[in-house]
Amino acid sequence: MNVFAAMLEEKTDGTLSLPVGVSPEFRGARPDAWGRDPSFHLACAHRLAEDLTAAAEMLGEKPAPVWAKILKKLPKVSMFVDGDQPIIGLWDGMKLYESHRHHSHLAAIAPFDMIDCEGRRARVG
């Protein structure tokens, strides 16, 4: 969590952002293989913050303030609209435009189960 916490940037609207990251193996080591707010890393940061908070509570410890800040102010995924379709991007504005063996950008749905695709449980952002 210290790595995620050190990387966070606060935007002018008060939300948090991860300034750079990748989607595993997408575009390899090319210069355009990076982007802001990669959905996989956002989901990982949220899952970790949730689990650390739960563990601290079970142990009678005080959760670190940054964990609550992540849960409140960091988006769970990078969402954008393509035409009239909402898309979970690989990172900010990057649509998966070809077949790829990693679908880690969907980690908030599975395996982390943080988003109910039918809108009954959790908000995306």
C-alpha atoms as a PDB file:
ATOM      1  CA  MET A   1       0.000   0.000   0.000  1.00  0.00           C
ATOM      2  CA  ASN A   2       2.914   2.340   0.602  1.00  0.00           C
ATOM      3  CA  VAL A   3       3.697   2.277  -3.133  1.00  0.00           C
ATOM      4  CA  PHE A   4       0.137   3.234  -4.078  1.00  0.00           C
ATOM      5  CA  ALA A   5       0.012   5.907  -1.358  1.00  0.00           C
ATOM      6  CA  ALA A   6       3.294   7.432  -2.539  1.00  0.00           C
ATOM      7  CA  MET A   7       2.060   7.575  -6.144  1.00  0.00           C
ATOM      8  CA  LEU A   8      -1.291   9.250  -5.470  1.00  0.00           C
ATOM      9  CA  GLU A   9      -1.944  12.730  -6.768  1.00  0.00           C
ATOM     10  CA  GLU A  10      -4.823  14.894  -5.643  1.00  0.00           C
ATOM     11  CA  LYS A  11      -6.685  16.497  -8.538  1.00  0.00           C
ATOM     12  CA  THR A  12      -8.264  19.951  -8.413  1.00  0.00           C
ATOM     13  CA  ASP A  13     -11.717  18.413  -7.798  1.00  0.00           C
ATOM     14  CA  GLY A  14     -10.415  16.631  -4.673  1.00  0.00           C
ATOM     15  CA  THR A  15     -10.382  13.139  -6.171  1.00  0.00           C
ATOM     16  CA  LEU A  16      -7.248  11.026  -6.192  1.00  0.00           C
ATOM     17  CA  SER A  17      -5.409   9.737  -9.231  1.00  0.00           C
ATOM     18  CA  LEU A  18      -2.573   7.344 -10.036  1.00  0.00           C
ATOM     19  CA  PRO A  19      -0.494   9.342 -12.505  1.00  0.00           C
ATOM     20  CA  VAL A  20       0.939   6.395 -14.415  1.00  0.00           C
ATOM     21  CA  GLY A  21       0.616   2.646 -14.729  1.00  0.00           C
ATOM     22  CA  VAL A  22       0.145  -0.200 -17.155  1.00  0.00           C
ATOM     23  CA  SER A  23      -2.262  -2.950 -18.057  1.00  0.00           C
ATOM     24  CA  PRO A  24      -0.257  -6.194 -17.812  1.00  0.00           C
ATOM     25  CA  GLU A  25       1.500  -7.023 -21.081  1.00  0.00           C
ATOM     26  CA  PHE A  26      -0.610  -4.581 -23.127  1.00  0.00           C
ATOM     27  CA  ARG A  27       1.686  -3.029 -25.744  1.00  0.00           C
ATOM     28  CA  GLY A  28       4.756  -4.540 -24.051  1.00  0.00           C
ATOM     29  CA  ALA A  29       7.521  -2.018 -23.395  1.00  0.00           C
ATOM     30  CA  ARG A  30       6.399   0.511 -26.012  1.00  0.00           C
ATOM     31  CA  PRO A  31       6.357   4.195 -25.032  1.00  0.00           C
ATOM     32  CA  ASP A  32       2.546   4.228 -25.376  1.00  0.00           C
ATOM     33  CA  ALA A  33       2.063   1.268 -23.020  1.00  0.00           C
ATOM     34  CA  TRP A  34       1.361   3.529 -20.034  1.00  0.00           C
ATOM     35  CA  GLY A  35      -1.528   5.687 -18.937  1.00  0.00           C
ATOM     36  CA  ARG A  36      -3.132   7.600 -16.076  1.00  0.00           C
ATOM     37  CA  ASP A  37      -5.405   5.731 -13.666  1.00  0.00           C
ATOM     38  CA  PRO A  38      -4.988   2.157 -14.923  1.00  0.00           C
ATOM     39  CA  SER A  39      -8.148   0.276 -13.952  1.00  0.00           C
ATOM     40  CA  PHE A  40      -6.210  -2.751 -12.699  1.00  0.00           C
ATOM     41  CA  HIS A  41      -4.135  -0.675 -10.277  1.00  0.00           C
ATOM     42  CA  LEU A  42      -7.155   1.329  -9.121  1.00  0.00           C
ATOM     43  CA  ALA A  43      -8.998  -1.900  -8.309  1.00  0.00           C
ATOM     44  CA  CYS A  44      -5.939  -3.335  -6.549  1.00  0.00           C
ATOM     45  CA  ALA A  45      -5.557  -0.213  -4.403  1.00  0.00           C
ATOM     46  CA  HIS A  46      -9.237  -0.382  -3.417  1.00  0.00           C
ATOM     47  CA  ARG A  47      -9.164  -4.100  -2.608  1.00  0.00           C
ATOM     48  CA  LEU A  48      -6.016  -3.628  -0.549  1.00  0.00           C
ATOM     49  CA  ALA A  49      -7.460  -0.627   1.313  1.00  0.00           C
ATOM     50  CA  GLU A  50     -10.646  -2.577   2.084  1.00  0.00           C
ATOM     51  CA  ASP A  51      -8.716  -5.624   3.299  1.00  0.00           C
ATOM     52  CA  LEU A  52      -6.231  -3.627   5.375  1.00  0.00           C
ATOM     53  CA  THR A  53      -9.069  -1.712   7.009  1.00  0.00           C
ATOM     54  CA  ALA A  54     -10.887  -4.949   7.854  1.00  0.00           C
ATOM     55  CA  ALA A  55      -7.687  -6.525   9.205  1.00  0.00           C
ATOM     56  CA  ALA A  56      -6.939  -3.489  11.365  1.00  0.00           C
ATOM     57  CA  GLU A  57     -10.455  -3.590  12.809  1.00  0.00           C
ATOM     58  CA  MET A  58     -10.154  -7.337  13.564  1.00  0.00           C
ATOM     59  CA  LEU A  59      -6.850  -6.709  15.334  1.00  0.00           C
ATOM     60  CA  GLY A  60      -8.159  -3.732  17.283  1.00  0.00           C
ATOM     61  CA  GLU A  61      -5.792  -1.389  15.459  1.00  0.00           C
ATOM     62  CA  LYS A  62      -6.581   2.017  14.014  1.00  0.00           C
ATOM     63  CA  PRO A  63      -6.720   1.973  10.193  1.00  0.00           C
ATOM     64  CA  ALA A  64      -4.286   4.305   8.442  1.00  0.00           C
ATOM     65  CA  PRO A  65      -6.016   7.516   7.288  1.00  0.00           C
ATOM     66  CA  VAL A  66      -4.763   7.034   3.712  1.00  0.00           C
ATOM     67  CA  TRP A  67      -6.818   3.835   3.414  1.00  0.00           C
ATOM     68  CA  ALA A  68     -10.057   5.716   4.052  1.00  0.00           C
ATOM     69  CA  LYS A  69      -8.942   8.456   1.675  1.00  0.00           C
ATOM     70  CA  ILE A  70      -8.342   5.884  -1.068  1.00  0.00           C
ATOM     71  CA  LEU A  71     -11.727   4.282  -0.514  1.00  0.00           C
ATOM     72  CA  LYS A  72     -13.477   7.647  -0.634  1.00  0.00           C
ATOM     73  CA  LYS A  73     -11.555   9.602  -3.268  1.00  0.00           C
ATOM     74  CA  LEU A  74      -9.873   7.161  -5.662  1.00  0.00           C
ATOM     75  CA  PRO A  75     -12.023   5.788  -8.501  1.00  0.00           C
ATOM     76  CA  LYS A  76     -12.384   1.999  -8.622  1.00  0.00           C
ATOM     77  CA  VAL A  77     -11.882   1.930 -12.409  1.00  0.00           C
ATOM     78  CA  SER A  78     -11.279   4.311 -15.297  1.00  0.00           C
ATOM     79  CA  MET A  79     -14.695   4.815 -16.882  1.00  0.00           C
ATOM     80  CA  PHE A  80     -15.494   6.734 -20.023  1.00  0.00           C
ATOM     81  CA  VAL A  81     -18.210   6.760 -22.668  1.00  0.00           C
ATOM     82  CA  ASP A  82     -17.553   5.522 -26.197  1.00  0.00           C
ATOM     83  CA  GLY A  83     -20.489   6.564 -28.346  1.00  0.00           C
ATOM     84  CA  ASP A  84     -23.332   5.769 -25.973  1.00  0.00           C
ATOM     85  CA  GLN A  85     -21.602   2.840 -24.245  1.00  0.00           C
ATOM     86  CA  PRO A  86     -19.919   3.163 -20.857  1.00  0.00           C
ATOM     87  CA  ILE A  87     -16.496   1.512 -21.011  1.00  0.00           C
ATOM     88  CA  ILE A  88     -14.103   0.372 -18.312  1.00  0.00           C
ATOM     89  CA  GLY A  89     -10.835   1.444 -19.842  1.00  0.00           C
ATOM     90  CA  LEU A  90      -7.405  -0.062 -19.487  1.00  0.00           C
ATOM     91  CA  TRP A  91      -6.508   3.381 -18.203  1.00  0.00           C
ATOM     92  CA  ASP A  92      -7.953   6.872 -18.625  1.00  0.00           C
ATOM     93  CA  GLY A  93      -9.476   6.964 -22.116  1.00  0.00           C
ATOM     94  CA  MET A  94      -7.860   3.724 -23.361  1.00  0.00           C
ATOM     95  CA  LYS A  95     -10.337   1.213 -24.728  1.00  0.00           C
ATOM     96  CA  LEU A  96      -9.324  -2.425 -25.180  1.00  0.00           C
ATOM     97  CA  TYR A  97      -9.438  -2.364 -28.980  1.00  0.00           C
ATOM     98  CA  GLU A  98      -8.060  -5.812 -29.758  1.00  0.00           C
ATOM     99  CA  SER A  99      -8.038  -9.254 -28.215  1.00  0.00           C
ATOM    100  CA  HIS A 100      -5.719  -9.504 -25.254  1.00  0.00           C
ATOM    101  CA  ARG A 101      -5.098 -12.373 -22.859  1.00  0.00           C
ATOM    102  CA  HIS A 102      -5.206 -10.168 -19.760  1.00  0.00           C
ATOM    103  CA  HIS A 103      -8.534  -8.685 -18.781  1.00  0.00           C
ATOM    104  CA  SER A 104      -7.115  -7.232 -15.604  1.00  0.00           C
ATOM    105  CA  HIS A 105      -8.862  -3.912 -16.286  1.00  0.00           C
ATOM    106  CA  LEU A 106     -12.025  -5.750 -15.194  1.00  0.00           C
ATOM    107  CA  ALA A 107     -10.549  -6.823 -11.827  1.00  0.00           C
ATOM    108  CA  ALA A 108     -13.005  -4.603  -9.946  1.00  0.00           C
ATOM    109  CA  ILE A 109     -15.768  -6.862 -11.281  1.00  0.00           C
ATOM    110  CA  ALA A 110     -13.901 -10.158 -10.928  1.00  0.00           C
ATOM    111  CA  PRO A 111     -12.108 -11.321  -8.909  1.00  0.00           C
ATOM    112  CA  PHE A 112     -12.437  -8.375  -6.489  1.00  0.00           C
ATOM    113  CA  ASP A 113     -16.265  -8.176  -6.634  1.00  0.00           C
ATOM    114  CA  MET A 114     -16.370  -4.426  -5.975  1.00  0.00           C
ATOM    115  CA  ILE A 115     -18.816  -3.530  -8.742  1.00  0.00           C
ATOM    116  CA  ASP A 116     -22.276  -4.940  -9.205  1.00  0.00           C
ATOM    117  CA  CYS A 117     -22.809  -4.726 -12.945  1.00  0.00           C
ATOM    118  CA  GLU A 118     -26.541  -4.371 -12.401  1.00  0.00           C
ATOM    119  CA  GLY A 119     -26.042  -1.334 -10.167  1.00  0.00           C
ATOM    120  CA  ARG A 120     -27.428  -2.738  -6.935  1.00  0.00           C
ATOM    121  CA  ARG A 121     -24.364  -2.721  -4.727  1.00  0.00           C
ATOM    122  CA  ALA A 122     -21.481  -0.325  -5.361  1.00  0.00           C
ATOM    123  CA  ARG A 123     -20.804   2.801  -7.309  1.00  0.00           C
ATOM    124  CA  VAL A 124     -18.008   2.665  -9.803  1.00  0.00           C
ATOM    125  CA  GLY A 125     -16.216   5.914  -9.112  1.00  0.00           C
END
